[in-house]
Amino acid sequence: MAVPLSDGERRKQISVRGIAGLGDVAEVRKSFNRHLHFTLVKDRNVATPRDYFFALAHTVRDHLVGRWIRTQQHYYERDPKLGLDLEELEEIEEDAGLGNGGLGRLAACFLDSMATLGLAAYGYGIRYEFGIFNQKIVDGWQVEEADDWLRYGNPWEKARPEYMLPVHFYGRLDHTPEGVKWVDTQVVLAMPYDTPVPGYKNNTVNTMRLWSAKAPNDFNLQEFNVGDYIEAVLDRNLAENISRVLYPNDNFFEGKELRLKQEYFVVAATLQDIIRRFKSSKFGCRDPVRTCFETFPDKVAIQLNDTHPALSIPELMRILVDVEKVEWDKAWEITKRTCAYTNHTVLPEALERWPVSMFEKLLPRHLEIIYALNQMHLDRVAALYPGDIDRLRRMSVIEEGDCKRINMAHLCVIGSHAVNGVARIHSDIVKNSVFKDFYELEPEKFQNKTNGITPRRWLLLCNPGLADVIAEKIGEGFITDLSQLKKLLDFINNETFIRDVAKVKQENKLKFAAYLEEKYKVKINPSSMFDVQVKRIHEYKRQLLNCLHAVTLYNRIRSNPSKSFVPRTIMIGGKAAPGYHMAKMIIKLITSIGEVINNDPHVGDKLKVIFLENYRVSLAEKVIPAADLSQQISTAGTEASGTGNMKFMVNGALTIGTMDGANVEMAEEAGEENLFIFGMRVEDVEALDRQGYNAREYYERLPELRQAVDQISSGFFSPRDPGCFRDVVNMLMYHDRFKVFADYEAYIKCQGQVDQLFMDPREWTKKVIRNIACSGKFSSDRTITEYAREIWGVEPSATKIPPPNLPRD
């Protein structure tokens, strides 16, 4: 009888198959040994696991390079046993935590899909020296540590100093007969680092280009040459600080000058790069050939991932008008046809509104261009709606007031030919609320593009056991066409398949339980329900509702210790922005509740509450395949889409959630009865807003809620500091924008239904299979195909580029 493969062995096979597929086995071994030889320093003969990791990474990179070059040329013209534990080496690799949460991770999925769909696409961003902080929990509180992810180098990137570009700041304007000149600027250099982005088995390798800030050699020497050479050289840090650190806010705008510098830095470098590539006709040629920009929008599409790159609009105008001498109206037409904008949030505190005074100093020409664009826009609105002054105020890019501000979302809408939300319900809110006036003006601009996730990372890589079980039944076509998962509907009542799916889940749970025990010295019951909420900590995501459920379960167990309960391990993970007081208090509350519950002998292993420290992609890849229940419980109308919800669905967890974001479409795909849907809909939230939300009313009416709130308030969970959670309770009682208490009763009832179903493992697993089978829509391949056809005007290609060792067509 064949011994079943462990996850590690499966992953080893996938990796080994992949490397072997890249070329001759002996060649791979030779390349690896060569890299290992050069990795070892002269005075060290024994290789460490990190040496093996870098040697292996460089071997894989070497094999990608030929395809990488061939892919770029194509766009311009049309089982080795290494004796290594690959899983151990994977652990050595640092997460490139260059984003805050959903937004950056979405971009990474999109890059994977664009390469897999054979699209000639580039991802641009900043090569932060320090990414999102590492989170440590000390005495129950979040403590931040710098993420020095480049400490040992990054084997995947290639510096490209030959494409270094200047970026200008500050200065003043000269209005001359030949046009406007931006002079006396401070220059910072943008150094590109390229990372290959391979498509799935199609030999396509696209490029992610990240910019790093470098001071020019004469930085601070020419103007201030008063003999303090040392001081001038040390001041180079001021320029290089631009790419030093990621701002760690998620869904919150912080109007710092350094952040505006970062936004202009990535935009200015990227647009120069795009225009250079447009002007050169041949691959690798840097001599300009095209000089007419008429065809620019036919060759180039720029997708603005939220408002952070909104400066692309005035910057493209500046280049076209001031540098390339294109006539203003023509430049505006080109700019609008080139740019498209994706909105990712409706929370007012997240919208970027930069002070005019900051622009005046830092980007004077861009301010002038924005004023001129706004005037054109308002003239048009005034002509269509004569006398409607309030409409002009609402639609202006410039907000008047004590501090004049530039509304970057309005700039994006007027400067783009397409505007989209990221789930159907969100796109409806964008049209009917956030940009209502703009929708009335140009309804044809507005679209929906529901987010998706790459099945390569979020199924094949992180859950090889489940991927194998699926492939045995329906073949491997689902890897690049996730809609094929529908074929699993034929096996919902197949006893072998039900058993296999349940078995994979149990193996994943055991593995994750072992990981938690090893990493955090936490012992959990692997047969308990793994109830997981992992995402950034934010009031709107309502981790507090989850806390109230945990406390309610605890109180039920304590008041009836002999009663049988469905055992649960509640896991909550996520980072709080360092300056977000309430989010940090929520983490402290979760850890404090866990401290009490996990040490109460009456509870035993019926209930555990675990805070998952330092939630990040590599931890998500472990916890998501092990989850039974996925919590997606934001107040209806606040979560634009969510993507974690999709990852849990495809990995065989059931969802408890509100009708918010992509949950709505998940329920539509799988059938609402196959998710645990509860709580207010958007219309209910709006109605409650109109009548006025009164938290006390729920507190008085619901005894279990009152008991839980009183315990939190009185110091039951913080005996050493009884007033610790005063701020949290005060917020919940008197100024809770997200109406936690209003959904409490429905949530607790729904969690009871979860318990009921979990007690019937066969029926639970049948629902799991139905969810997996209906998750095909949520592939980022589908999302990107829609962007390509409906916004960028390009067609995905199934063509496989010939590998580098074969002649080109």
Foldseek 3Di string as FASTA:
>chain_A
DDDDDDPQVLLLVVVQVVLVVLDPLVVLLVQLVVQLVVLDDPVDDDDDLQSSLLSNLLSVLVSLVLLALLLLQCVLPPHHCNVDRVVVSVVVQDDQQADAFDLVQLVLQLLQLCQQLSHQDEAEAANAQWHAFFWDQDLLFTDTDTRRNCPVHDSQKDKDQVLKDKDWWFADWDQDPLGIDGDPTAIKIWIWIWGWRHYDPQSGTYIYIHTFTWHPPCQVCPPPVPPPPVVRVVCRVVRRCLRHYDQNDDLADDQDLSLLVNLRVRLLSVVVVLVQPVQDSGPPDRDGHDLDCLCVLVSAADEASALSNLLNQLSQQCCVCVPSVDDNVSSLVSQASRYEYEHFFDDPRNFDWYFLVSCCGIPVSSSVSLVVLQVVVLVVVCVVPPPPVVLNQVLGQWHDDPTIIGGSVSSNLSRYQAYEFAFVVLLVCVCVPVVVSSCVVPVVRYDYQHAFGQCVLLPCNLQVQVQVLQCVPQNNPCNSQVLSLLVLLVCLVPVVSLVSLVVSLLSLLVVVQVVCCVPVVDHADSLAAEAEEETAQDLQQPVVLVLLLQVLVLVVCVVPLVDDFRAYEYEYEHHYRPVPVLSSLSSSSQVLSQVVQVPDPSCPRSYGRYYDGRDDDVVLSRVLLNHAEYEREGQAPTRSADHSVLSNLLSQHAYEYECHHNVVVLCVLLPVVLHLYFDDHPVRLVVCVVVDDALVVLLVVDVSSVVSLVCQQQCVSPVVCRRSCVVVSCCSGPPRSRNSSRGNVRSSVSVVVVRVVSVVSSSSSSSSSSSSSRSSCRNNSNSSQCCCVPRSNHHRDSRRADRSVDDGD
